[in-house]
Amino acid sequence: MGLLSWIIIGLLTGFLTRRFFPGRPGGLIPTLILATTGALIGGYVSVFFNYGTLAHLEPRAMLIALAGALMMVLLVKKLRI
């Protein structure tokens, strides 16, 4: 359940990023993949520090996954990749 929630958070973050900041080159699919990757990295970091698990829905892990997705999108935007 935790892994699925991280993927959903990444997809929602990517969709909202594309919706509110349409000037970024690339397209919807690369933005969704980028945000989902960031959410998965954030989720696995939360598992590493025992803030959540892959099997359970933990609010702290979801927040860290959201932060990972946002940081990944902002990093790529700043680097203009």
C-alpha atoms as a PDB file:
ATOM      1  CA  MET A   1       0.000   0.000   0.000  1.00  0.00           C
ATOM      2  CA  GLY A   2       2.855   2.374   0.767  1.00  0.00           C
ATOM      3  CA  LEU A   3       4.522   1.848  -2.598  1.00  0.00           C
ATOM      4  CA  LEU A   4       1.261   2.446  -4.428  1.00  0.00           C
ATOM      5  CA  SER A   5       0.626   5.646  -2.474  1.00  0.00           C
ATOM      6  CA  TRP A   6       4.098   6.938  -3.377  1.00  0.00           C
ATOM      7  CA  ILE A   7       3.419   6.297  -7.065  1.00  0.00           C
ATOM      8  CA  ILE A   8       0.061   8.067  -6.838  1.00  0.00           C
ATOM      9  CA  ILE A   9       1.675  11.023  -5.055  1.00  0.00           C
ATOM     10  CA  GLY A  10       4.309  11.225  -7.794  1.00  0.00           C
ATOM     11  CA  LEU A  11       1.734  11.107 -10.567  1.00  0.00           C
ATOM     12  CA  LEU A  12      -0.428  13.765  -8.922  1.00  0.00           C
ATOM     13  CA  THR A  13       2.577  15.998  -8.314  1.00  0.00           C
ATOM     14  CA  GLY A  14       3.697  15.627 -11.920  1.00  0.00           C
ATOM     15  CA  PHE A  15       0.219  16.369 -13.238  1.00  0.00           C
ATOM     16  CA  LEU A  16      -0.190  19.437 -11.021  1.00  0.00           C
ATOM     17  CA  THR A  17       3.288  20.654 -11.902  1.00  0.00           C
ATOM     18  CA  ARG A  18       2.480  20.401 -15.580  1.00  0.00           C
ATOM     19  CA  ARG A  19      -0.885  22.069 -15.037  1.00  0.00           C
ATOM     20  CA  PHE A  20       0.402  25.082 -13.082  1.00  0.00           C
ATOM     21  CA  PHE A  21       3.819  25.483 -14.759  1.00  0.00           C
ATOM     22  CA  PRO A  22       3.170  24.748 -18.448  1.00  0.00           C
ATOM     23  CA  GLY A  23       6.294  26.510 -19.740  1.00  0.00           C
ATOM     24  CA  ARG A  24       8.671  23.647 -18.945  1.00  0.00           C
ATOM     25  CA  PRO A  25       9.809  21.897 -22.106  1.00  0.00           C
ATOM     26  CA  GLY A  26       9.377  18.170 -22.395  1.00  0.00           C
ATOM     27  CA  GLY A  27       5.783  17.190 -22.018  1.00  0.00           C
ATOM     28  CA  LEU A  28       3.388  15.528 -19.659  1.00  0.00           C
ATOM     29  CA  ILE A  29       4.860  12.017 -19.722  1.00  0.00           C
ATOM     30  CA  PRO A  30       8.457  13.025 -18.851  1.00  0.00           C
ATOM     31  CA  THR A  31       7.153  15.241 -16.037  1.00  0.00           C
ATOM     32  CA  LEU A  32       5.056  12.393 -14.646  1.00  0.00           C
ATOM     33  CA  ILE A  33       8.009  10.004 -14.789  1.00  0.00           C
ATOM     34  CA  LEU A  34      10.285  12.556 -13.147  1.00  0.00           C
ATOM     35  CA  ALA A  35       7.894  13.294 -10.285  1.00  0.00           C
ATOM     36  CA  THR A  36       7.131   9.609  -9.736  1.00  0.00           C
ATOM     37  CA  THR A  37      10.851   8.833  -9.588  1.00  0.00           C
ATOM     38  CA  GLY A  38      11.316  11.580  -7.007  1.00  0.00           C
ATOM     39  CA  ALA A  39       8.404  10.257  -4.941  1.00  0.00           C
ATOM     40  CA  LEU A  40       9.824   6.737  -5.015  1.00  0.00           C
ATOM     41  CA  ILE A  41      13.242   7.987  -3.948  1.00  0.00           C
ATOM     42  CA  GLY A  42      11.642   9.983  -1.128  1.00  0.00           C
ATOM     43  CA  GLY A  43       9.599   6.960  -0.086  1.00  0.00           C
ATOM     44  CA  TYR A  44      12.627   4.697   0.022  1.00  0.00           C
ATOM     45  CA  VAL A  45      14.516   7.301   2.054  1.00  0.00           C
ATOM     46  CA  SER A  46      11.648   7.233   4.565  1.00  0.00           C
ATOM     47  CA  VAL A  47      11.903   3.438   4.751  1.00  0.00           C
ATOM     48  CA  PHE A  48      15.648   3.712   5.295  1.00  0.00           C
ATOM     49  CA  PHE A  49      15.113   6.020   8.281  1.00  0.00           C
ATOM     50  CA  ASN A  50      12.190   3.894   9.631  1.00  0.00           C
ATOM     51  CA  TYR A  51       9.503   6.520   8.997  1.00  0.00           C
ATOM     52  CA  GLY A  52       7.370   4.076   7.033  1.00  0.00           C
ATOM     53  CA  THR A  53       7.246   0.732   5.271  1.00  0.00           C
ATOM     54  CA  LEU A  54       6.387  -0.515   1.829  1.00  0.00           C
ATOM     55  CA  ALA A  55       3.331  -2.347   3.155  1.00  0.00           C
ATOM     56  CA  HIS A  56       1.673   0.287   5.358  1.00  0.00           C
ATOM     57  CA  LEU A  57       0.319   3.738   4.692  1.00  0.00           C
ATOM     58  CA  GLU A  58       2.332   6.126   6.866  1.00  0.00           C
ATOM     59  CA  PRO A  59       1.669   9.906   6.802  1.00  0.00           C
ATOM     60  CA  ARG A  60       5.345  10.781   7.390  1.00  0.00           C
ATOM     61  CA  ALA A  61       6.433   8.562   4.514  1.00  0.00           C
ATOM     62  CA  MET A  62       3.847  10.165   2.244  1.00  0.00           C
ATOM     63  CA  LEU A  63       5.100  13.640   3.133  1.00  0.00           C
ATOM     64  CA  ILE A  64       8.684  12.623   2.451  1.00  0.00           C
ATOM     65  CA  ALA A  65       7.590  11.120  -0.890  1.00  0.00           C
ATOM     66  CA  LEU A  66       5.851  14.393  -1.739  1.00  0.00           C
ATOM     67  CA  ALA A  67       8.973  16.333  -0.804  1.00  0.00           C
ATOM     68  CA  GLY A  68      11.078  14.012  -2.971  1.00  0.00           C
ATOM     69  CA  ALA A  69       8.797  14.526  -5.965  1.00  0.00           C
ATOM     70  CA  LEU A  70       8.814  18.300  -5.567  1.00  0.00           C
ATOM     71  CA  MET A  71      12.574  18.437  -5.085  1.00  0.00           C
ATOM     72  CA  MET A  72      13.169  16.315  -8.193  1.00  0.00           C
ATOM     73  CA  VAL A  73      10.924  18.515 -10.352  1.00  0.00           C
ATOM     74  CA  LEU A  74      12.421  21.742  -8.970  1.00  0.00           C
ATOM     75  CA  LEU A  75      15.976  20.450  -9.402  1.00  0.00           C
ATOM     76  CA  VAL A  76      15.409  19.621 -13.049  1.00  0.00           C
ATOM     77  CA  LYS A  77      13.677  22.961 -13.580  1.00  0.00           C
ATOM     78  CA  LYS A  78      16.612  24.852 -12.057  1.00  0.00           C
ATOM     79  CA  LEU A  79      19.173  22.870 -14.050  1.00  0.00           C
ATOM     80  CA  ARG A  80      17.069  23.278 -17.215  1.00  0.00           C
ATOM     81  CA  ILE A  81      17.562  19.686 -18.281  1.00  0.00           C
END
